[in-house]
Amino acid sequence: MRSRSPKGTNLTLHLSKYKITYISVPKVACSSLKRFFFEIDNGFAFRVFRTNGKRYGVHQFAVSKALVDIPPITMADHVRIAAVRDPWRRILSCYVSKVAAEKAGLNKVKFTPEQKKLGMVATPSIDNFVDLLPHYQAVSGPIRSHSRPLSYYLGHDPAFFDRLFPMSRLSEMVDYVADRIGNVPALPHNNKSSKTDLDIPQAALDRNKQKIEDIYTEDLDIFGAYM
């Protein structure tokens, strides 16, 4: 289930004043880019806030949505941009920042006997996580939203976008936006994670990289040239 944003949000996604739409993808510099576009649109840096007793972080304020759920009228006459990342690095980042860091809520899941028989546990190894990825997606919203294919968020036609930027060259996105609107804030750096955060053997990384590439073949076919 996707989290819902309060009425009137998504300002970091659709910059009407500048006719720019940024489509976000979780685990593709999502936090940093949402904050970047928020500051452009509002003139001040985003801060977590509370209203009506509810807490809103940047992801509740600007929800990452499936492209098909974004009304086309909100992007009419806009330049459309997004960042992309190769599937293995996305899923490894998901594992490190959500699963290994115990932020995915797996410790609260009451696994059924069938799920336990499959081998599902609250603190899975990288092998266990990748092998049972669809099952972990089914029981954890954070895992599901952070590991859905790029095509879920960006669609199946790269030509829909005016520019797609590889995550390794986000400075080019910043320059692209600056060329259109003038001075822009520095890009924040949030949620850094990598294999160096965990002691994962290289052999495990190698074999799971291939498994993930097999699972996300469609993403590689559609967006591989932009990664």
Foldseek 3Di string as FASTA:
>chain_A
DFAAADPPAQCLAFQPVLLAGEQEAALLLRLLSSQQSVCVNPVDGDDWDDDPRDIDDSCNRRPRAFPVPDPVVSNVPGAYEYEDEDQLSLLQLLCFQPQQVVPQCLVVDDDDPVRVVLPDDSRDDLVSCLVCVVVSLVGTVSSVRSNDAPCRRVNQAPVVHPYYAYSVPCVVVVVVVCVRPNDGDDRDDPSDDDCVVDDDDPVSSVVSSVSRCVVRVSNCVRCVVRD
